[in-house]
PDB file of all heavy atoms in Angstrom:
ATOM      1  N   LEU A   1      14.757   8.516  12.116  1.00  0.00           N
ATOM      2  CA  LEU A   1      13.785   7.405  12.509  1.00  0.00           C
ATOM      3  C   LEU A   1      12.372   7.820  12.303  1.00  0.00           C
ATOM      4  O   LEU A   1      11.580   7.221  11.714  1.00  0.00           O
ATOM      5  CB  LEU A   1      14.222   6.871  13.826  1.00  0.00           C
ATOM      6  CG  LEU A   1      13.229   5.782  14.372  1.00  0.00           C
ATOM      7  CD1 LEU A   1      13.512   4.473  13.502  1.00  0.00           C
ATOM      8  CD2 LEU A   1      13.605   5.494  15.776  1.00  0.00           C
ATOM      9  N   VAL A   2      12.102   8.998  12.874  1.00  0.00           N
ATOM     10  CA  VAL A   2      10.743   9.508  12.995  1.00  0.00           C
ATOM     11  C   VAL A   2      10.312  10.086  11.660  1.00  0.00           C
ATOM     12  O   VAL A   2       9.100   9.882  11.179  1.00  0.00           O
ATOM     13  CB  VAL A   2      10.626  10.627  14.043  1.00  0.00           C
ATOM     14  CG1 VAL A   2       9.179  11.315  13.946  1.00  0.00           C
ATOM     15  CG2 VAL A   2      10.891  10.061  15.383  1.00  0.00           C
ATOM     16  N   LEU A   3      11.090  10.756  10.903  1.00  0.00           N
ATOM     17  CA  LEU A   3      10.686  11.505   9.672  1.00  0.00           C
ATOM     18  C   LEU A   3      11.003  10.783   8.352  1.00  0.00           C
ATOM     19  O   LEU A   3      10.472  11.070   7.338  1.00  0.00           O
ATOM     20  CB  LEU A   3      11.369  12.869   9.599  1.00  0.00           C
ATOM     21  CG  LEU A   3      11.107  13.859  10.757  1.00  0.00           C
ATOM     22  CD1 LEU A   3      11.770  15.089  10.583  1.00  0.00           C
ATOM     23  CD2 LEU A   3       9.560  14.133  10.856  1.00  0.00           C
ATOM     24  N   LEU A   4      11.852   9.709   8.474  1.00  0.00           N
ATOM     25  CA  LEU A   4      12.215   8.976   7.239  1.00  0.00           C
ATOM     26  C   LEU A   4      11.836   7.464   7.369  1.00  0.00           C
ATOM     27  O   LEU A   4      11.053   7.021   6.581  1.00  0.00           O
ATOM     28  CB  LEU A   4      13.754   9.155   6.994  1.00  0.00           C
ATOM     29  CG  LEU A   4      14.212   8.443   5.698  1.00  0.00           C
ATOM     30  CD1 LEU A   4      13.622   9.094   4.500  1.00  0.00           C
ATOM     31  CD2 LEU A   4      15.737   8.516   5.646  1.00  0.00           C
ATOM     32  N   PHE A   5      12.409   6.801   8.274  1.00  0.00           N
ATOM     33  CA  PHE A   5      12.242   5.298   8.306  1.00  0.00           C
ATOM     34  C   PHE A   5      10.808   4.925   8.687  1.00  0.00           C
ATOM     35  O   PHE A   5      10.283   3.983   8.182  1.00  0.00           O
ATOM     36  CB  PHE A   5      13.255   4.693   9.228  1.00  0.00           C
ATOM     37  CG  PHE A   5      14.656   4.833   8.660  1.00  0.00           C
ATOM     38  CD1 PHE A   5      15.541   5.657   9.395  1.00  0.00           C
ATOM     39  CD2 PHE A   5      15.103   4.171   7.543  1.00  0.00           C
ATOM     40  CE1 PHE A   5      16.884   5.819   8.855  1.00  0.00           C
ATOM     41  CE2 PHE A   5      16.396   4.324   7.093  1.00  0.00           C
ATOM     42  CZ  PHE A   5      17.295   5.119   7.728  1.00  0.00           C
ATOM     43  N   VAL A   6      10.252   5.630   9.709  1.00  0.00           N
ATOM     44  CA  VAL A   6       8.860   5.267  10.072  1.00  0.00           C
ATOM     45  C   VAL A   6       7.911   5.513   8.888  1.00  0.00           C
ATOM     46  O   VAL A   6       7.027   4.603   8.621  1.00  0.00           O
ATOM     47  CB  VAL A   6       8.448   6.034  11.356  1.00  0.00           C
ATOM     48  CG1 VAL A   6       6.929   5.924  11.664  1.00  0.00           C
ATOM     49  CG2 VAL A   6       9.319   5.583  12.587  1.00  0.00           C
ATOM     50  N   PRO A   7       7.913   6.671   8.201  1.00  0.00           N
ATOM     51  CA  PRO A   7       7.036   6.826   7.141  1.00  0.00           C
ATOM     52  C   PRO A   7       7.156   5.793   5.973  1.00  0.00           C
ATOM     53  O   PRO A   7       6.241   5.262   5.420  1.00  0.00           O
ATOM     54  CB  PRO A   7       7.276   8.206   6.684  1.00  0.00           C
ATOM     55  CG  PRO A   7       7.802   8.911   7.833  1.00  0.00           C
ATOM     56  CD  PRO A   7       8.582   7.873   8.557  1.00  0.00           C
ATOM     57  N   ILE A   8       8.480   5.499   5.719  1.00  0.00           N
ATOM     58  CA  ILE A   8       8.756   4.474   4.677  1.00  0.00           C
ATOM     59  C   ILE A   8       8.208   3.146   5.160  1.00  0.00           C
ATOM     60  O   ILE A   8       7.471   2.453   4.248  1.00  0.00           O
ATOM     61  CB  ILE A   8      10.307   4.354   4.457  1.00  0.00           C
ATOM     62  CG1 ILE A   8      10.749   5.580   3.739  1.00  0.00           C
ATOM     63  CG2 ILE A   8      10.638   3.068   3.579  1.00  0.00           C
ATOM     64  CD1 ILE A   8      12.313   5.579   3.543  1.00  0.00           C
ATOM     65  N   GLY A   9       8.389   2.725   6.390  1.00  0.00           N
ATOM     66  CA  GLY A   9       7.751   1.542   6.796  1.00  0.00           C
ATOM     67  C   GLY A   9       6.289   1.510   6.787  1.00  0.00           C
ATOM     68  O   GLY A   9       5.645   0.480   6.392  1.00  0.00           O
ATOM     69  N   MET A  10       5.637   2.624   7.113  1.00  0.00           N
ATOM     70  CA  MET A  10       4.124   2.717   6.963  1.00  0.00           C
ATOM     71  C   MET A  10       3.698   2.571   5.527  1.00  0.00           C
ATOM     72  O   MET A  10       2.711   1.853   5.229  1.00  0.00           O
ATOM     73  CB  MET A  10       3.691   4.080   7.541  1.00  0.00           C
ATOM     74  CG  MET A  10       3.891   4.202   9.027  1.00  0.00           C
ATOM     75  SD  MET A  10       3.496   5.866   9.639  1.00  0.00           S
ATOM     76  CE  MET A  10       1.745   5.955   9.362  1.00  0.00           C
ATOM     77  N   VAL A  11       4.404   3.219   4.619  1.00  0.00           N
ATOM     78  CA  VAL A  11       4.008   3.128   3.164  1.00  0.00           C
ATOM     79  C   VAL A  11       4.199   1.683   2.692  1.00  0.00           C
ATOM     80  O   VAL A  11       3.266   1.140   2.011  1.00  0.00           O
ATOM     81  CB  VAL A  11       4.796   4.141   2.337  1.00  0.00           C
ATOM     82  CG1 VAL A  11       4.600   3.823   0.803  1.00  0.00           C
ATOM     83  CG2 VAL A  11       4.429   5.558   2.624  1.00  0.00           C
ATOM     84  N   ILE A  12       5.225   1.053   3.082  1.00  0.00           N
ATOM     85  CA  ILE A  12       5.403  -0.361   2.676  1.00  0.00           C
ATOM     86  C   ILE A  12       4.294  -1.242   3.257  1.00  0.00           C
ATOM     87  O   ILE A  12       3.715  -2.149   2.552  1.00  0.00           O
ATOM     88  CB  ILE A  12       6.815  -0.933   3.141  1.00  0.00           C
ATOM     89  CG1 ILE A  12       7.939  -0.161   2.363  1.00  0.00           C
ATOM     90  CG2 ILE A  12       6.910  -2.405   2.874  1.00  0.00           C
ATOM     91  CD1 ILE A  12       9.306  -0.445   2.813  1.00  0.00           C
ATOM     92  N   SER A  13       3.904  -0.981   4.464  1.00  0.00           N
ATOM     93  CA  SER A  13       2.869  -1.804   5.105  1.00  0.00           C
ATOM     94  C   SER A  13       1.471  -1.541   4.414  1.00  0.00           C
ATOM     95  O   SER A  13       0.736  -2.393   4.189  1.00  0.00           O
ATOM     96  CB  SER A  13       2.790  -1.605   6.568  1.00  0.00           C
ATOM     97  OG  SER A  13       2.381  -0.250   6.849  1.00  0.00           O
ATOM     98  N   TYR A  14       1.290  -0.232   4.054  1.00  0.00           N
ATOM     99  CA  TYR A  14       0.022   0.058   3.393  1.00  0.00           C
ATOM    100  C   TYR A  14      -0.207  -0.607   2.049  1.00  0.00           C
ATOM    101  O   TYR A  14      -1.269  -0.939   1.649  1.00  0.00           O
ATOM    102  CB  TYR A  14      -0.026   1.599   3.178  1.00  0.00           C
ATOM    103  CG  TYR A  14      -0.314   2.508   4.348  1.00  0.00           C
ATOM    104  CD1 TYR A  14       0.008   3.839   4.312  1.00  0.00           C
ATOM    105  CD2 TYR A  14      -0.693   1.919   5.558  1.00  0.00           C
ATOM    106  CE1 TYR A  14      -0.207   4.608   5.458  1.00  0.00           C
ATOM    107  CE2 TYR A  14      -0.935   2.673   6.669  1.00  0.00           C
ATOM    108  CZ  TYR A  14      -0.659   4.080   6.583  1.00  0.00           C
ATOM    109  OH  TYR A  14      -0.872   4.810   7.767  1.00  0.00           O
ATOM    110  N   SER A  15       0.955  -0.814   1.350  1.00  0.00           N
ATOM    111  CA  SER A  15       0.894  -1.519   0.068  1.00  0.00           C
ATOM    112  C   SER A  15       0.388  -2.845   0.057  1.00  0.00           C
ATOM    113  O   SER A  15      -0.002  -3.417  -0.953  1.00  0.00           O
ATOM    114  CB  SER A  15       2.318  -1.433  -0.642  1.00  0.00           C
ATOM    115  OG  SER A  15       3.179  -2.319   0.062  1.00  0.00           O
ATOM    116  N   PHE A  16       0.251  -3.541   1.231  1.00  0.00           N
ATOM    117  CA  PHE A  16      -0.130  -4.882   1.358  1.00  0.00           C
ATOM    118  C   PHE A  16      -1.643  -4.958   1.950  1.00  0.00           C
ATOM    119  O   PHE A  16      -2.094  -6.055   2.055  1.00  0.00           O
ATOM    120  CB  PHE A  16       0.674  -5.750   2.272  1.00  0.00           C
ATOM    121  CG  PHE A  16       2.124  -5.875   1.804  1.00  0.00           C
ATOM    122  CD1 PHE A  16       3.226  -5.187   2.347  1.00  0.00           C
ATOM    123  CD2 PHE A  16       2.358  -6.691   0.735  1.00  0.00           C
ATOM    124  CE1 PHE A  16       4.405  -5.262   1.876  1.00  0.00           C
ATOM    125  CE2 PHE A  16       3.685  -6.862   0.222  1.00  0.00           C
ATOM    126  CZ  PHE A  16       4.726  -6.147   0.845  1.00  0.00           C
ATOM    127  N   PHE A  17      -2.265  -3.729   2.069  1.00  0.00           N
ATOM    128  CA  PHE A  17      -3.627  -3.770   2.493  1.00  0.00           C
ATOM    129  C   PHE A  17      -4.479  -3.102   1.463  1.00  0.00           C
ATOM    130  O   PHE A  17      -4.039  -2.414   0.517  1.00  0.00           O
ATOM    131  CB  PHE A  17      -3.721  -2.976   3.869  1.00  0.00           C
ATOM    132  CG  PHE A  17      -3.166  -3.769   4.983  1.00  0.00           C
ATOM    133  CD1 PHE A  17      -1.865  -3.638   5.317  1.00  0.00           C
ATOM    134  CD2 PHE A  17      -3.926  -4.553   5.807  1.00  0.00           C
ATOM    135  CE1 PHE A  17      -1.190  -4.370   6.419  1.00  0.00           C
ATOM    136  CE2 PHE A  17      -3.459  -5.241   6.869  1.00  0.00           C
ATOM    137  CZ  PHE A  17      -2.097  -5.192   7.182  1.00  0.00           C
ATOM    138  N   ASP A  18      -5.793  -3.139   1.697  1.00  0.00           N
ATOM    139  CA  ASP A  18      -6.800  -2.498   0.869  1.00  0.00           C
ATOM    140  C   ASP A  18      -7.589  -1.418   1.659  1.00  0.00           C
ATOM    141  O   ASP A  18      -7.932  -1.739   2.842  1.00  0.00           O
ATOM    142  CB  ASP A  18      -7.761  -3.466   0.234  1.00  0.00           C
ATOM    143  CG  ASP A  18      -8.535  -2.891  -0.920  1.00  0.00           C
ATOM    144  OD1 ASP A  18      -8.146  -1.812  -1.432  1.00  0.00           O
ATOM    145  OD2 ASP A  18      -9.614  -3.398  -1.268  1.00  0.00           O
ATOM    146  N   ASN A  19      -7.831  -0.349   0.952  1.00  0.00           N
ATOM    147  CA  ASN A  19      -8.720   0.708   1.632  1.00  0.00           C
ATOM    148  C   ASN A  19      -8.016   1.290   2.906  1.00  0.00           C
ATOM    149  O   ASN A  19      -8.625   1.569   3.878  1.00  0.00           O
ATOM    150  CB  ASN A  19     -10.100   0.211   1.995  1.00  0.00           C
ATOM    151  CG  ASN A  19     -10.896  -0.158   0.781  1.00  0.00           C
ATOM    152  OD1 ASN A  19     -10.753   0.471  -0.240  1.00  0.00           O
ATOM    153  ND2 ASN A  19     -11.723  -1.192   0.871  1.00  0.00           N
ATOM    154  N   VAL A  20      -6.744   1.408   2.876  1.00  0.00           N
ATOM    155  CA  VAL A  20      -6.042   2.053   4.036  1.00  0.00           C
ATOM    156  C   VAL A  20      -6.400   3.502   4.136  1.00  0.00           C
ATOM    157  O   VAL A  20      -6.728   4.117   3.228  1.00  0.00           O
ATOM    158  CB  VAL A  20      -4.576   1.756   3.945  1.00  0.00           C
ATOM    159  CG1 VAL A  20      -4.083   0.347   3.970  1.00  0.00           C
ATOM    160  CG2 VAL A  20      -3.955   2.459   2.569  1.00  0.00           C
ATOM    161  N   ILE A  21      -6.255   4.032   5.404  1.00  0.00           N
ATOM    162  CA  ILE A  21      -6.530   5.400   5.804  1.00  0.00           C
ATOM    163  C   ILE A  21      -8.077   5.668   5.630  1.00  0.00           C
ATOM    164  O   ILE A  21      -8.677   6.274   6.601  1.00  0.00           O
ATOM    165  CB  ILE A  21      -5.759   6.372   4.953  1.00  0.00           C
ATOM    166  CG1 ILE A  21      -4.207   6.104   5.180  1.00  0.00           C
ATOM    167  CG2 ILE A  21      -6.138   7.835   5.282  1.00  0.00           C
ATOM    168  CD1 ILE A  21      -3.347   6.992   4.321  1.00  0.00           C
ATOM    169  N   VAL A  22      -8.761   5.345   4.637  1.00  0.00           N
ATOM    170  CA  VAL A  22     -10.149   5.656   4.451  1.00  0.00           C
ATOM    171  C   VAL A  22     -11.079   4.657   5.368  1.00  0.00           C
ATOM    172  O   VAL A  22     -12.280   5.017   5.469  1.00  0.00           O
ATOM    173  CB  VAL A  22     -10.577   5.578   3.045  1.00  0.00           C
ATOM    174  CG1 VAL A  22      -9.853   6.645   2.163  1.00  0.00           C
ATOM    175  CG2 VAL A  22     -10.336   4.228   2.346  1.00  0.00           C
ATOM    176  N   THR A  23     -10.579   3.590   5.728  1.00  0.00           N
ATOM    177  CA  THR A  23     -11.335   2.648   6.605  1.00  0.00           C
ATOM    178  C   THR A  23     -10.582   2.401   7.846  1.00  0.00           C
ATOM    179  O   THR A  23      -9.335   2.457   7.929  1.00  0.00           O
ATOM    180  CB  THR A  23     -11.703   1.361   5.877  1.00  0.00           C
ATOM    181  OG1 THR A  23     -10.473   0.681   5.483  1.00  0.00           O
ATOM    182  CG2 THR A  23     -12.593   1.639   4.616  1.00  0.00           C
ATOM    183  N   ASP A  24     -11.337   2.013   8.932  1.00  0.00           N
ATOM    184  CA  ASP A  24     -10.709   1.708  10.165  1.00  0.00           C
ATOM    185  C   ASP A  24     -10.053   0.350  10.211  1.00  0.00           C
ATOM    186  O   ASP A  24      -9.011   0.105  10.892  1.00  0.00           O
ATOM    187  CB  ASP A  24     -11.665   1.758  11.268  1.00  0.00           C
ATOM    188  CG  ASP A  24     -12.177   3.151  11.583  1.00  0.00           C
ATOM    189  OD1 ASP A  24     -11.469   4.106  11.340  1.00  0.00           O
ATOM    190  OD2 ASP A  24     -13.372   3.330  12.079  1.00  0.00           O
ATOM    191  N   ASN A  25     -10.543  -0.625   9.412  1.00  0.00           N
ATOM    192  CA  ASN A  25     -10.159  -1.953   9.410  1.00  0.00           C
ATOM    193  C   ASN A  25      -9.735  -2.421   7.874  1.00  0.00           C
ATOM    194  O   ASN A  25     -10.560  -3.174   7.268  1.00  0.00           O
ATOM    195  CB  ASN A  25     -11.121  -2.980   9.978  1.00  0.00           C
ATOM    196  CG  ASN A  25     -11.356  -2.674  11.406  1.00  0.00           C
ATOM    197  OD1 ASN A  25     -10.482  -2.553  12.245  1.00  0.00           O
ATOM    198  ND2 ASN A  25     -12.731  -2.446  11.774  1.00  0.00           N
ATOM    199  N   PRO A  26      -8.613  -2.016   7.454  1.00  0.00           N
ATOM    200  CA  PRO A  26      -8.179  -2.361   6.076  1.00  0.00           C
ATOM    201  C   PRO A  26      -7.981  -3.810   5.963  1.00  0.00           C
ATOM    202  O   PRO A  26      -7.580  -4.508   6.899  1.00  0.00           O
ATOM    203  CB  PRO A  26      -6.947  -1.576   5.781  1.00  0.00           C
ATOM    204  CG  PRO A  26      -6.449  -1.332   7.160  1.00  0.00           C
ATOM    205  CD  PRO A  26      -7.587  -1.120   8.034  1.00  0.00           C
ATOM    206  N   ALA A  27      -8.266  -4.312   4.767  1.00  0.00           N
ATOM    207  CA  ALA A  27      -8.150  -5.856   4.565  1.00  0.00           C
ATOM    208  C   ALA A  27      -6.774  -6.175   3.993  1.00  0.00           C
ATOM    209  O   ALA A  27      -6.313  -5.400   3.098  1.00  0.00           O
ATOM    210  CB  ALA A  27      -9.281  -6.433   3.644  1.00  0.00           C
ATOM    211  N   TRP A  28      -6.224  -7.247   4.489  1.00  0.00           N
ATOM    212  CA  TRP A  28      -4.919  -7.794   3.982  1.00  0.00           C
ATOM    213  C   TRP A  28      -5.166  -8.281   2.507  1.00  0.00           C
ATOM    214  O   TRP A  28      -5.964  -9.255   2.330  1.00  0.00           O
ATOM    215  CB  TRP A  28      -4.353  -8.864   4.882  1.00  0.00           C
ATOM    216  CG  TRP A  28      -3.080  -9.451   4.358  1.00  0.00           C
ATOM    217  CD1 TRP A  28      -3.032 -10.615   3.526  1.00  0.00           C
ATOM    218  CD2 TRP A  28      -1.770  -9.003   4.444  1.00  0.00           C
ATOM    219  NE1 TRP A  28      -1.762 -10.903   3.228  1.00  0.00           N
ATOM    220  CE2 TRP A  28      -0.894  -9.972   3.707  1.00  0.00           C
ATOM    221  CE3 TRP A  28      -1.133  -7.923   5.104  1.00  0.00           C
ATOM    222  CZ2 TRP A  28       0.424  -9.855   3.709  1.00  0.00           C
ATOM    223  CZ3 TRP A  28       0.243  -7.799   5.047  1.00  0.00           C
ATOM    224  CH2 TRP A  28       1.020  -8.760   4.319  1.00  0.00           C
ATOM    225  N   VAL A  29      -4.418  -7.899   1.558  1.00  0.00           N
ATOM    226  CA  VAL A  29      -4.582  -8.255   0.178  1.00  0.00           C
ATOM    227  C   VAL A  29      -3.259  -8.857  -0.365  1.00  0.00           C
ATOM    228  O   VAL A  29      -3.204  -9.230  -1.559  1.00  0.00           O
ATOM    229  CB  VAL A  29      -5.160  -7.212  -0.675  1.00  0.00           C
ATOM    230  CG1 VAL A  29      -6.509  -6.862  -0.312  1.00  0.00           C
ATOM    231  CG2 VAL A  29      -4.228  -5.962  -0.749  1.00  0.00           C
ATOM    232  N   GLY A  30      -2.156  -8.849   0.333  1.00  0.00           N
ATOM    233  CA  GLY A  30      -0.895  -9.261  -0.099  1.00  0.00           C
ATOM    234  C   GLY A  30      -0.258  -8.468  -1.295  1.00  0.00           C
ATOM    235  O   GLY A  30      -0.215  -7.290  -1.204  1.00  0.00           O
ATOM    236  N   MET A  31      -0.036  -9.163  -2.367  1.00  0.00           N
ATOM    237  CA  MET A  31       0.572  -8.598  -3.568  1.00  0.00           C
ATOM    238  C   MET A  31      -0.465  -8.106  -4.574  1.00  0.00           C
ATOM    239  O   MET A  31      -0.107  -7.725  -5.659  1.00  0.00           O
ATOM    240  CB  MET A  31       1.471  -9.512  -4.247  1.00  0.00           C
ATOM    241  CG  MET A  31       2.549 -10.083  -3.383  1.00  0.00           C
ATOM    242  SD  MET A  31       3.760  -8.763  -2.813  1.00  0.00           S
ATOM    243  CE  MET A  31       4.525  -8.371  -4.377  1.00  0.00           C
ATOM    244  N   ALA A  32      -1.730  -8.050  -4.191  1.00  0.00           N
ATOM    245  CA  ALA A  32      -2.764  -7.595  -5.138  1.00  0.00           C
ATOM    246  C   ALA A  32      -2.632  -6.172  -5.605  1.00  0.00           C
ATOM    247  O   ALA A  32      -2.859  -5.897  -6.802  1.00  0.00           O
ATOM    248  CB  ALA A  32      -4.177  -7.742  -4.515  1.00  0.00           C
ATOM    249  N   ASN A  33      -2.195  -5.225  -4.771  1.00  0.00           N
ATOM    250  CA  ASN A  33      -1.937  -3.959  -5.216  1.00  0.00           C
ATOM    251  C   ASN A  33      -0.905  -3.826  -6.190  1.00  0.00           C
ATOM    252  O   ASN A  33      -0.955  -3.006  -7.180  1.00  0.00           O
ATOM    253  CB  ASN A  33      -1.685  -2.980  -3.972  1.00  0.00           C
ATOM    254  CG  ASN A  33      -2.814  -2.801  -3.019  1.00  0.00           C
ATOM    255  OD1 ASN A  33      -3.946  -2.637  -3.520  1.00  0.00           O
ATOM    256  ND2 ASN A  33      -2.632  -2.909  -1.761  1.00  0.00           N
ATOM    257  N   TYR A  34       0.210  -4.581  -6.045  1.00  0.00           N
ATOM    258  CA  TYR A  34       1.252  -4.628  -6.964  1.00  0.00           C
ATOM    259  C   TYR A  34       0.869  -5.172  -8.311  1.00  0.00           C
ATOM    260  O   TYR A  34       1.206  -4.667  -9.324  1.00  0.00           O
ATOM    261  CB  TYR A  34       2.513  -5.371  -6.473  1.00  0.00           C
ATOM    262  CG  TYR A  34       3.132  -4.715  -5.230  1.00  0.00           C
ATOM    263  CD1 TYR A  34       2.756  -5.079  -3.926  1.00  0.00           C
ATOM    264  CD2 TYR A  34       4.087  -3.760  -5.435  1.00  0.00           C
ATOM    265  CE1 TYR A  34       3.424  -4.476  -2.848  1.00  0.00           C
ATOM    266  CE2 TYR A  34       4.688  -3.138  -4.314  1.00  0.00           C
ATOM    267  CZ  TYR A  34       4.324  -3.491  -3.063  1.00  0.00           C
ATOM    268  OH  TYR A  34       4.944  -2.885  -1.998  1.00  0.00           O
ATOM    269  N   SER A  35       0.022  -6.182  -8.309  1.00  0.00           N
ATOM    270  CA  SER A  35      -0.567  -6.761  -9.519  1.00  0.00           C
ATOM    271  C   SER A  35      -1.437  -5.725 -10.291  1.00  0.00           C
ATOM    272  O   SER A  35      -1.331  -5.545 -11.528  1.00  0.00           O
ATOM    273  CB  SER A  35      -1.326  -7.969  -9.274  1.00  0.00           C
ATOM    274  OG  SER A  35      -0.511  -8.995  -8.634  1.00  0.00           O
ATOM    275  N   ALA A  36      -2.163  -4.916  -9.485  1.00  0.00           N
ATOM    276  CA  ALA A  36      -3.071  -3.948 -10.075  1.00  0.00           C
ATOM    277  C   ALA A  36      -2.200  -2.763 -10.686  1.00  0.00           C
ATOM    278  O   ALA A  36      -2.558  -2.316 -11.779  1.00  0.00           O
ATOM    279  CB  ALA A  36      -3.990  -3.445  -9.040  1.00  0.00           C
ATOM    280  N   ILE A  37      -1.202  -2.397  -9.967  1.00  0.00           N
ATOM    281  CA  ILE A  37      -0.365  -1.394 -10.529  1.00  0.00           C
ATOM    282  C   ILE A  37       0.339  -1.793 -11.820  1.00  0.00           C
ATOM    283  O   ILE A  37       0.394  -1.041 -12.719  1.00  0.00           O
ATOM    284  CB  ILE A  37       0.709  -1.003  -9.437  1.00  0.00           C
ATOM    285  CG1 ILE A  37       0.005  -0.151  -8.329  1.00  0.00           C
ATOM    286  CG2 ILE A  37       1.852  -0.189 -10.018  1.00  0.00           C
ATOM    287  CD1 ILE A  37      -0.414   1.249  -8.706  1.00  0.00           C
ATOM    288  N   LEU A  38       0.986  -2.949 -11.776  1.00  0.00           N
ATOM    289  CA  LEU A  38       1.697  -3.448 -12.957  1.00  0.00           C
ATOM    290  C   LEU A  38       0.829  -3.719 -14.156  1.00  0.00           C
ATOM    291  O   LEU A  38       1.325  -3.744 -15.315  1.00  0.00           O
ATOM    292  CB  LEU A  38       2.557  -4.616 -12.555  1.00  0.00           C
ATOM    293  CG  LEU A  38       3.600  -4.410 -11.528  1.00  0.00           C
ATOM    294  CD1 LEU A  38       4.329  -5.738 -11.095  1.00  0.00           C
ATOM    295  CD2 LEU A  38       4.732  -3.428 -12.020  1.00  0.00           C
ATOM    296  N   SER A  39      -0.486  -3.924 -13.907  1.00  0.00           N
ATOM    297  CA  SER A  39      -1.390  -4.166 -15.050  1.00  0.00           C
ATOM    298  C   SER A  39      -2.066  -2.891 -15.533  1.00  0.00           C
ATOM    299  O   SER A  39      -2.887  -2.947 -16.430  1.00  0.00           O
ATOM    300  CB  SER A  39      -2.372  -5.281 -14.699  1.00  0.00           C
ATOM    301  OG  SER A  39      -3.184  -4.848 -13.530  1.00  0.00           O
ATOM    302  N   ASP A  40      -1.828  -1.795 -14.787  1.00  0.00           N
ATOM    303  CA  ASP A  40      -2.398  -0.498 -15.098  1.00  0.00           C
ATOM    304  C   ASP A  40      -1.801   0.106 -16.354  1.00  0.00           C
ATOM    305  O   ASP A  40      -0.615   0.338 -16.325  1.00  0.00           O
ATOM    306  CB  ASP A  40      -2.452   0.458 -13.907  1.00  0.00           C
ATOM    307  CG  ASP A  40      -3.273   1.633 -14.087  1.00  0.00           C
ATOM    308  OD1 ASP A  40      -3.736   1.922 -15.227  1.00  0.00           O
ATOM    309  OD2 ASP A  40      -3.404   2.378 -13.135  1.00  0.00           O
ATOM    310  N   THR A  41      -2.547   0.393 -17.412  1.00  0.00           N
ATOM    311  CA  THR A  41      -1.881   1.011 -18.595  1.00  0.00           C
ATOM    312  C   THR A  41      -1.373   2.380 -18.343  1.00  0.00           C
ATOM    313  O   THR A  41      -0.474   2.828 -18.984  1.00  0.00           O
ATOM    314  CB  THR A  41      -2.985   1.056 -19.735  1.00  0.00           C
ATOM    315  OG1 THR A  41      -4.231   1.673 -19.315  1.00  0.00           O
ATOM    316  CG2 THR A  41      -3.324  -0.334 -20.159  1.00  0.00           C
ATOM    317  N   VAL A  42      -2.129   3.147 -17.461  1.00  0.00           N
ATOM    318  CA  VAL A  42      -1.668   4.484 -17.067  1.00  0.00           C
ATOM    319  C   VAL A  42      -0.307   4.370 -16.428  1.00  0.00           C
ATOM    320  O   VAL A  42       0.663   5.276 -16.688  1.00  0.00           O
ATOM    321  CB  VAL A  42      -2.659   5.266 -16.241  1.00  0.00           C
ATOM    322  CG1 VAL A  42      -2.118   6.592 -15.899  1.00  0.00           C
ATOM    323  CG2 VAL A  42      -3.968   5.286 -16.912  1.00  0.00           C
ATOM    324  N   PHE A  43      -0.122   3.455 -15.550  1.00  0.00           N
ATOM    325  CA  PHE A  43       1.137   3.325 -14.761  1.00  0.00           C
ATOM    326  C   PHE A  43       2.253   2.961 -15.805  1.00  0.00           C
ATOM    327  O   PHE A  43       3.439   3.409 -15.739  1.00  0.00           O
ATOM    328  CB  PHE A  43       1.050   2.271 -13.726  1.00  0.00           C
ATOM    329  CG  PHE A  43       2.262   2.072 -12.908  1.00  0.00           C
ATOM    330  CD1 PHE A  43       2.776   3.143 -12.069  1.00  0.00           C
ATOM    331  CD2 PHE A  43       3.056   0.927 -12.969  1.00  0.00           C
ATOM    332  CE1 PHE A  43       3.912   2.934 -11.356  1.00  0.00           C
ATOM    333  CE2 PHE A  43       4.247   0.790 -12.271  1.00  0.00           C
ATOM    334  CZ  PHE A  43       4.658   1.751 -11.429  1.00  0.00           C
ATOM    335  N   ALA A  44       1.897   1.968 -16.717  1.00  0.00           N
ATOM    336  CA  ALA A  44       2.916   1.615 -17.763  1.00  0.00           C
ATOM    337  C   ALA A  44       3.294   2.869 -18.645  1.00  0.00           C
ATOM    338  O   ALA A  44       4.456   3.020 -18.944  1.00  0.00           O
ATOM    339  CB  ALA A  44       2.289   0.564 -18.612  1.00  0.00           C
TER     340      ALA A  44
END
């Protein structure tokens, strides 16, 4: 729970925000990060 499921849950939650970790109040962006990733030529 502590070493696997909690980190996975945190990463999933981070994917729906912007500027996580580097700012105190990250903004909710929904699926915007996934859209940016899927449209990135380097990721492709």
